[in-house]
Amino acid sequence: MTKPMTVLLTGGTGFLGEYLLEELLSRGHRVWAMYRNESRMLDTVRFLGRLGLPRSADSLNWFKGEALDADEKWEEWCRQYPGLENVDTLLHSAASTRLHMDEFGEPRKTNLGSAKTLYNLTRRKPMQCHLISTAYVCGLVQGRLVKEENHPRGDFVNVYEESKWEAEQLWMGNGTLLRPAIIVGHSETARCTSFSGWYILVQAAHLLDRLMRDVPEEQRLNLNINVPAYPDATANIITVDYVAGAAVRIIERPENHNGIFHLTHPNPPTHQWTLDWITRRFRIGGLNFAGAGAPFTQPRNTIERMVWRQMQTILFHFSNNPIFDRTNVDKALPDLEVPPISEDLADRLVDYAIEWDWGQS
């Protein structure tokens, strides 16, 4: 490993942020972790404690602040938290994962706004900068190879992807862009604290199963619904422990700095694999792929109307199907194994989500 870093970490109490923090500490780096919410910070402290990692003192220091205030309040923070001024690395993980704009301007307010304030800060406080983005800044792509490079503005599936693309434009050439795919729980424990992305698909199937509890088996397995997508297309999902491990190892090495890296799965499950697994797991059938652009089967009765409402949520998962190039990642991390997406892992991820009531518990 290269020289230990002194890292300013934003979003350290978030789902991915906790694992980035774990990885940084376990690999001997010093971290200044920004937090906004006291209870979330204490939850992360307990999480680290269960892993036997340091929770304070020399390796980890917490400071309260908003990434949106970083440029304006930096000197004040440095006076309040002696030692903060010594950070030499920024790892920006804080983000809003809302898919649609709300009345407060989220997710653009956080995702683009914090990128701007941190970029302005680094103009006067030099740091090596690394930004957690998303592989889906490519926009809407059907079955084409997406390279690890800057993309022109595309047709985005949601405003989250668009806000991440806008943030990237600020940092292009001035920071490392780390682009994870759709993040799911830990490959061994299935632990997760943010049930979005892939979980929306599975939660919809789980709810459909519950709604059809009293529907005869013959009808449950013969829903006769055509899904407008291709069965051999893929949605790229990746476990949180791989993303965190890959991200920290990449930024440790100066030769990787200011590059672009797809933290994606080299062998993601096909839509047909996913649908077959959902069929078995939730005892529903008669869902068939009819190709992208095909008309969606309109409901004809009460059961089909119930299915149709849930399918509007499920279809989002099947709508975007890029194939991600991993040339830069494979060169930087030739020996880091990517956990396979198996039926056993999918079952464990769902069992965990259901146990925690999809994040409501």
Protein backbone atom coordinates (compact mmCIF):
# COMPACT_ATOMS: atom_id res chain seq x y z
CA MET A 1 0.00 0.00 0.00
CA THR A 2 1.13 3.58 -0.62
CA LYS A 3 1.50 6.30 2.00
CA PRO A 4 -1.51 6.48 4.40
CA MET A 5 -4.00 9.19 3.54
CA THR A 6 -5.72 11.71 5.80
CA VAL A 7 -9.21 11.65 4.32
CA LEU A 8 -12.10 14.07 4.50
CA LEU A 9 -15.09 11.74 4.01
CA THR A 10 -18.56 13.07 3.28
CA GLY A 11 -21.57 10.79 3.60
CA GLY A 12 -19.79 8.53 6.08
CA THR A 13 -23.04 7.63 7.85
CA GLY A 14 -24.76 6.58 4.61
CA PHE A 15 -25.11 3.03 3.33
CA LEU A 16 -22.03 3.06 1.10
CA GLY A 17 -20.29 5.62 3.31
CA GLU A 18 -20.19 3.28 6.30
CA TYR A 19 -18.37 0.64 4.25
CA LEU A 20 -15.99 3.23 2.80
CA LEU A 21 -15.24 4.28 6.37
CA GLU A 22 -14.71 0.67 7.41
CA GLU A 23 -12.38 0.08 4.46
CA LEU A 24 -10.36 3.25 5.05
CA LEU A 25 -9.84 2.47 8.73
CA SER A 26 -9.02 -1.19 8.22
CA ARG A 27 -6.40 -0.23 5.64
CA GLY A 28 -4.64 2.17 8.00
CA HIS A 29 -5.86 5.57 6.83
CA ARG A 30 -6.86 8.46 9.06
CA VAL A 31 -10.39 9.78 8.52
CA TRP A 32 -12.21 12.99 9.29
CA ALA A 33 -15.85 11.98 8.81
CA MET A 34 -18.47 14.66 8.28
CA TYR A 35 -21.92 14.02 9.74
CA ARG A 36 -25.21 15.89 9.94
CA ASN A 37 -27.33 13.72 12.22
CA GLU A 38 -26.20 12.69 15.69
CA SER A 39 -28.19 9.45 15.83
CA ARG A 40 -26.95 8.33 12.40
CA MET A 41 -23.39 9.02 13.52
CA LEU A 42 -23.91 6.94 16.68
CA ASP A 43 -25.35 4.10 14.56
CA THR A 44 -22.18 4.15 12.46
CA VAL A 45 -20.01 4.20 15.58
CA ARG A 46 -21.82 1.07 16.80
CA PHE A 47 -21.42 -0.56 13.38
CA LEU A 48 -17.66 0.07 13.46
CA GLY A 49 -17.47 -1.14 17.04
CA ARG A 50 -19.04 -4.48 16.14
CA LEU A 51 -16.28 -4.88 13.56
CA GLY A 52 -13.58 -4.10 16.12
CA LEU A 53 -12.53 -0.93 14.31
CA PRO A 54 -11.54 2.34 16.03
CA ARG A 55 -14.38 4.71 16.72
CA SER A 56 -12.44 7.82 17.73
CA ALA A 57 -8.98 9.14 18.65
CA ASP A 58 -6.10 9.02 16.18
CA SER A 59 -7.67 7.03 13.35
CA LEU A 60 -11.18 8.51 13.24
CA ASN A 61 -12.43 11.99 14.01
CA TRP A 62 -15.99 13.16 13.52
CA PHE A 63 -17.07 16.70 12.74
CA LYS A 64 -20.56 18.08 12.31
CA GLY A 65 -21.31 19.93 9.11
CA GLU A 66 -23.14 20.09 5.79
CA ALA A 67 -21.31 19.45 2.54
CA LEU A 68 -23.33 22.33 1.09
CA ASP A 69 -21.59 24.67 3.57
CA ALA A 70 -18.04 23.41 2.99
CA ASP A 71 -16.73 26.42 1.09
CA GLU A 72 -18.28 29.00 3.39
CA LYS A 73 -17.55 27.36 6.75
CA TRP A 74 -14.20 25.61 6.20
CA GLU A 75 -12.10 28.04 8.29
CA GLU A 76 -14.71 27.96 11.06
CA TRP A 77 -14.63 24.14 11.07
CA CYS A 78 -10.84 24.11 11.21
CA ARG A 79 -10.88 26.37 14.28
CA GLN A 80 -13.55 24.21 15.92
CA TYR A 81 -11.86 20.89 15.07
CA PRO A 82 -8.05 21.17 15.37
CA GLY A 83 -6.32 18.86 12.90
CA LEU A 84 -9.02 19.04 10.24
CA GLU A 85 -6.83 21.41 8.26
CA ASN A 86 -4.36 18.55 7.71
CA VAL A 87 -6.61 16.51 5.42
CA ASP A 88 -4.92 15.75 2.10
CA THR A 89 -7.65 13.69 0.41
CA LEU A 90 -11.34 14.28 -0.26
CA LEU A 91 -13.64 11.29 -0.76
CA HIS A 92 -17.07 12.71 -1.54
CA SER A 93 -19.77 10.09 -0.98
CA ALA A 94 -22.64 12.22 0.35
CA ALA A 95 -25.62 12.13 -2.01
CA SER A 96 -29.37 12.21 -2.29
CA THR A 97 -30.68 9.07 -3.98
CA ARG A 98 -34.15 10.46 -4.75
CA LEU A 99 -35.16 9.54 -8.28
CA HIS A 100 -37.57 12.43 -8.83
CA MET A 101 -37.31 16.12 -7.92
CA ASP A 102 -39.08 17.09 -4.71
CA GLU A 103 -40.31 20.49 -3.52
CA PHE A 104 -36.92 21.23 -1.92
CA GLY A 105 -34.98 20.69 -5.13
CA GLU A 106 -33.61 17.28 -4.20
CA PRO A 107 -31.67 15.38 -5.44
CA ARG A 108 -30.08 18.16 -7.52
CA LYS A 109 -29.69 20.44 -4.50
CA THR A 110 -27.45 17.95 -2.71
CA ASN A 111 -25.77 16.17 -5.60
CA LEU A 112 -24.86 19.18 -7.70
CA GLY A 113 -24.80 21.77 -4.91
CA SER A 114 -22.36 19.86 -2.70
CA ALA A 115 -20.13 19.11 -5.69
CA LYS A 116 -19.94 22.85 -6.40
CA THR A 117 -19.14 23.89 -2.84
CA LEU A 118 -16.50 21.21 -2.40
CA TYR A 119 -14.97 22.06 -5.77
CA ASN A 120 -14.74 25.70 -4.71
CA LEU A 121 -13.17 24.67 -1.41
CA THR A 122 -10.45 22.64 -3.13
CA ARG A 123 -9.46 25.68 -5.19
CA ARG A 124 -7.98 27.20 -2.02
CA LYS A 125 -7.43 24.08 0.10
CA PRO A 126 -5.51 21.64 -2.14
CA MET A 127 -6.60 18.02 -1.76
CA GLN A 128 -6.54 14.96 -3.97
CA CYS A 129 -10.22 14.63 -4.85
CA HIS A 130 -12.35 11.55 -5.48
CA LEU A 131 -16.08 11.59 -6.25
CA ILE A 132 -18.59 8.74 -5.87
CA SER A 133 -20.83 9.00 -8.91
CA THR A 134 -22.90 6.33 -10.71
CA ALA A 135 -22.27 4.22 -13.77
CA TYR A 136 -25.68 5.33 -15.04
CA VAL A 137 -24.49 8.86 -15.88
CA CYS A 138 -24.41 7.36 -19.40
CA GLY A 139 -28.16 7.97 -19.62
CA LEU A 140 -30.58 5.70 -21.44
CA VAL A 141 -28.61 3.04 -23.34
CA GLN A 142 -29.91 -0.20 -24.80
CA GLY A 143 -27.33 -2.97 -25.03
CA ARG A 144 -24.31 -0.87 -26.04
CA LEU A 145 -20.85 -0.82 -24.48
CA VAL A 146 -20.36 2.21 -22.22
CA LYS A 147 -16.71 3.16 -21.82
CA GLU A 148 -14.97 4.71 -18.83
CA GLU A 149 -14.96 8.22 -20.24
CA ASN A 150 -16.87 11.48 -20.09
CA HIS A 151 -20.31 11.17 -21.70
CA PRO A 152 -22.29 13.86 -23.49
CA ARG A 153 -25.59 14.77 -21.84
CA GLY A 154 -27.95 11.86 -22.51
CA ASP A 155 -31.60 10.99 -22.13
CA PHE A 156 -31.64 10.25 -18.42
CA VAL A 157 -34.02 7.78 -16.83
CA ASN A 158 -34.35 9.97 -13.72
CA VAL A 159 -33.12 13.23 -12.23
CA TYR A 160 -30.73 11.39 -9.88
CA GLU A 161 -28.65 10.22 -12.84
CA GLU A 162 -28.80 13.67 -14.41
CA SER A 163 -27.64 15.40 -11.20
CA LYS A 164 -24.70 13.00 -10.94
CA TRP A 165 -23.74 13.71 -14.56
CA GLU A 166 -23.85 17.45 -13.85
CA ALA A 167 -21.63 16.98 -10.80
CA GLU A 168 -19.13 15.00 -12.85
CA GLN A 169 -18.73 17.87 -15.31
CA LEU A 170 -17.35 20.06 -12.52
CA TRP A 171 -14.73 17.50 -11.54
CA MET A 172 -13.79 16.11 -14.94
CA GLY A 173 -9.98 16.03 -15.06
CA ASN A 174 -9.71 17.42 -11.52
CA GLY A 175 -10.77 14.37 -9.54
CA THR A 176 -11.18 10.61 -9.66
CA LEU A 177 -14.67 9.56 -10.78
CA LEU A 178 -15.79 6.33 -9.14
CA ARG A 179 -18.92 5.02 -10.84
CA PRO A 180 -20.66 2.16 -9.02
CA ALA A 181 -23.53 0.22 -10.57
CA ILE A 182 -26.78 -0.43 -8.64
CA ILE A 183 -25.57 -1.13 -5.09
CA VAL A 184 -27.09 -3.94 -3.03
CA GLY A 185 -26.29 -5.34 0.41
CA HIS A 186 -23.13 -7.00 1.69
CA SER A 187 -22.16 -10.17 -0.17
CA GLU A 188 -21.89 -12.21 3.05
CA THR A 189 -24.16 -10.61 5.65
CA ALA A 190 -26.71 -9.06 3.20
CA ARG A 191 -26.71 -6.00 5.50
CA CYS A 192 -28.28 -2.94 3.89
CA THR A 193 -29.54 0.41 5.17
CA SER A 194 -30.85 1.92 1.92
CA PHE A 195 -33.48 -0.15 0.15
CA SER A 196 -33.62 1.66 -3.19
CA GLY A 197 -32.57 0.69 -6.71
CA TRP A 198 -32.82 -3.08 -7.15
CA TYR A 199 -34.79 -3.35 -3.91
CA ILE A 200 -37.68 -1.36 -5.43
CA LEU A 201 -38.14 -4.14 -7.97
CA VAL A 202 -38.11 -6.87 -5.36
CA GLN A 203 -40.30 -4.97 -2.91
CA ALA A 204 -42.90 -4.57 -5.67
CA ALA A 205 -42.83 -8.33 -6.29
CA HIS A 206 -43.11 -8.98 -2.53
CA LEU A 207 -46.12 -6.68 -2.26
CA LEU A 208 -47.71 -8.33 -5.30
CA ASP A 209 -47.29 -11.71 -3.60
CA ARG A 210 -49.05 -10.40 -0.50
CA LEU A 211 -51.84 -8.75 -2.49
CA MET A 212 -52.54 -12.04 -4.28
CA ARG A 213 -52.47 -14.14 -1.14
CA ASP A 214 -56.04 -15.36 -1.74
CA VAL A 215 -55.78 -15.63 -5.52
CA PRO A 216 -55.90 -19.24 -6.78
CA GLU A 217 -52.52 -20.71 -7.69
CA GLU A 218 -53.57 -21.22 -11.31
CA GLN A 219 -54.24 -17.50 -11.72
CA ARG A 220 -51.07 -16.43 -9.88
CA LEU A 221 -48.95 -18.45 -12.27
CA ASN A 222 -50.76 -17.36 -15.45
CA LEU A 223 -50.89 -13.57 -15.29
CA ASN A 224 -50.31 -13.18 -19.05
CA ILE A 225 -48.35 -9.91 -18.78
CA ASN A 226 -45.93 -8.81 -21.53
CA VAL A 227 -42.92 -6.84 -20.28
CA PRO A 228 -41.47 -4.38 -22.85
CA ALA A 229 -37.82 -5.41 -22.48
CA TYR A 230 -35.38 -7.99 -23.84
CA PRO A 231 -34.79 -11.17 -21.79
CA ASP A 232 -31.03 -11.25 -22.45
CA ALA A 233 -30.50 -7.61 -21.44
CA THR A 234 -29.00 -6.92 -18.02
CA ALA A 235 -29.33 -4.54 -15.07
CA ASN A 236 -25.95 -4.19 -13.38
CA ILE A 237 -26.03 -4.80 -9.62
CA ILE A 238 -22.99 -4.94 -7.34
CA THR A 239 -22.50 -5.59 -3.62
CA VAL A 240 -21.60 -2.73 -1.30
CA ASP A 241 -18.47 -4.43 0.07
CA TYR A 242 -16.99 -4.74 -3.42
CA VAL A 243 -17.71 -1.08 -4.23
CA ALA A 244 -16.10 0.14 -0.99
CA GLY A 245 -13.09 -2.17 -1.32
CA ALA A 246 -12.50 -1.24 -4.94
CA ALA A 247 -12.95 2.49 -4.36
CA VAL A 248 -10.42 2.71 -1.52
CA ARG A 249 -7.83 0.55 -3.29
CA ILE A 250 -8.12 2.69 -6.42
CA ILE A 251 -7.64 6.03 -4.67
CA GLU A 252 -4.68 4.71 -2.67
CA ARG A 253 -2.51 4.65 -5.79
CA PRO A 254 -1.48 7.97 -7.40
CA GLU A 255 -1.39 6.47 -10.90
CA ASN A 256 -5.19 6.08 -10.68
CA HIS A 257 -5.91 9.65 -9.64
CA ASN A 258 -8.19 11.75 -11.87
CA GLY A 259 -9.23 8.66 -13.84
CA ILE A 260 -12.69 7.20 -14.42
CA PHE A 261 -13.59 3.78 -13.04
CA HIS A 262 -16.70 1.64 -13.48
CA LEU A 263 -17.27 -0.24 -10.22
CA THR A 264 -19.66 -2.57 -11.98
CA HIS A 265 -20.27 -6.30 -12.21
CA PRO A 266 -18.49 -8.07 -15.10
CA ASN A 267 -21.21 -10.73 -15.24
CA PRO A 268 -24.53 -9.18 -14.21
CA PRO A 269 -27.73 -11.23 -14.20
CA THR A 270 -29.94 -11.11 -17.28
CA HIS A 271 -33.51 -9.91 -17.05
CA GLN A 272 -34.66 -13.47 -17.73
CA TRP A 273 -32.58 -14.75 -14.79
CA THR A 274 -34.06 -12.06 -12.55
CA LEU A 275 -37.63 -12.76 -13.67
CA ASP A 276 -37.20 -16.54 -13.25
CA TRP A 277 -35.89 -16.00 -9.74
CA ILE A 278 -38.78 -13.64 -8.88
CA THR A 279 -41.24 -16.20 -10.24
CA ARG A 280 -39.85 -18.91 -7.96
CA ARG A 281 -39.36 -16.69 -4.93
CA PHE A 282 -42.79 -15.03 -4.97
CA ARG A 283 -44.92 -17.68 -6.74
CA ILE A 284 -46.04 -15.52 -9.63
CA GLY A 285 -45.89 -16.45 -13.31
CA GLY A 286 -47.01 -15.61 -16.79
CA LEU A 287 -44.68 -12.61 -17.11
CA ASN A 288 -43.03 -12.62 -20.52
CA PHE A 289 -40.52 -10.35 -22.26
CA ALA A 290 -41.81 -8.87 -25.51
CA GLY A 291 -38.82 -6.67 -26.48
CA ALA A 292 -38.04 -3.02 -25.79
CA GLY A 293 -40.76 -0.72 -27.11
CA ALA A 294 -43.47 -3.39 -27.17
CA PRO A 295 -46.86 -2.24 -25.84
CA PHE A 296 -47.44 -3.06 -22.21
CA THR A 297 -50.36 -5.43 -21.66
CA GLN A 298 -53.35 -3.45 -20.44
CA PRO A 299 -55.34 -4.82 -17.48
CA ARG A 300 -58.60 -6.63 -18.25
CA ASN A 301 -59.82 -7.59 -14.79
CA THR A 302 -59.28 -6.90 -11.07
CA ILE A 303 -56.29 -9.19 -10.72
CA GLU A 304 -54.58 -7.80 -13.80
CA ARG A 305 -55.22 -4.23 -12.61
CA MET A 306 -53.51 -5.10 -9.33
CA VAL A 307 -50.58 -6.63 -11.21
CA TRP A 308 -50.44 -3.69 -13.61
CA ARG A 309 -50.02 -1.16 -10.79
CA GLN A 310 -47.08 -3.10 -9.37
CA MET A 311 -45.56 -3.64 -12.80
CA GLN A 312 -45.22 0.12 -13.25
CA THR A 313 -42.66 -0.02 -10.46
CA ILE A 314 -41.03 -3.21 -11.72
CA LEU A 315 -40.62 -1.90 -15.26
CA PHE A 316 -38.21 0.81 -14.09
CA HIS A 317 -35.66 -1.90 -13.33
CA PHE A 318 -35.81 -3.24 -16.88
CA SER A 319 -35.78 0.08 -18.73
CA ASN A 320 -32.04 0.80 -19.06
CA ASN A 321 -29.55 -1.82 -20.25
CA PRO A 322 -26.00 -0.54 -20.81
CA ILE A 323 -22.99 -2.86 -20.85
CA PHE A 324 -20.19 -1.35 -18.80
CA ASP A 325 -16.56 -1.41 -19.87
CA ARG A 326 -14.19 -2.19 -16.96
CA THR A 327 -10.80 -1.69 -18.63
CA ASN A 328 -9.55 0.84 -16.09
CA VAL A 329 -10.87 -1.08 -13.09
CA ASP A 330 -9.44 -4.40 -14.26
CA LYS A 331 -6.06 -2.78 -14.83
CA ALA A 332 -6.07 -1.12 -11.40
CA LEU A 333 -7.48 -4.12 -9.50
CA PRO A 334 -6.53 -7.31 -11.33
CA ASP A 335 -6.79 -9.47 -8.21
CA LEU A 336 -9.90 -8.08 -6.48
CA GLU A 337 -12.63 -10.70 -6.80
CA VAL A 338 -16.15 -9.55 -7.66
CA PRO A 339 -18.78 -11.45 -5.62
CA PRO A 340 -21.05 -13.39 -8.02
CA ILE A 341 -24.77 -12.60 -8.20
CA SER A 342 -26.35 -15.95 -7.35
CA GLU A 343 -29.82 -17.09 -6.38
CA ASP A 344 -28.52 -17.76 -2.88
CA LEU A 345 -27.27 -14.17 -2.59
CA ALA A 346 -30.53 -12.78 -3.97
CA ASP A 347 -32.52 -14.80 -1.42
CA ARG A 348 -30.32 -13.56 1.43
CA LEU A 349 -30.67 -9.96 0.30
CA VAL A 350 -34.46 -10.29 0.22
CA ASP A 351 -34.63 -12.14 3.55
CA TYR A 352 -32.68 -9.29 5.15
CA ALA A 353 -34.88 -6.63 3.53
CA ILE A 354 -38.07 -8.34 4.66
CA GLU A 355 -36.69 -8.82 8.18
CA TRP A 356 -36.06 -5.05 8.34
CA ASP A 357 -39.39 -4.27 6.66
CA TRP A 358 -37.67 -2.64 3.67
CA GLY A 359 -36.02 -0.06 5.90
CA GLN A 360 -39.12 0.86 7.90
CA SER A 361 -37.98 -0.98 11.04
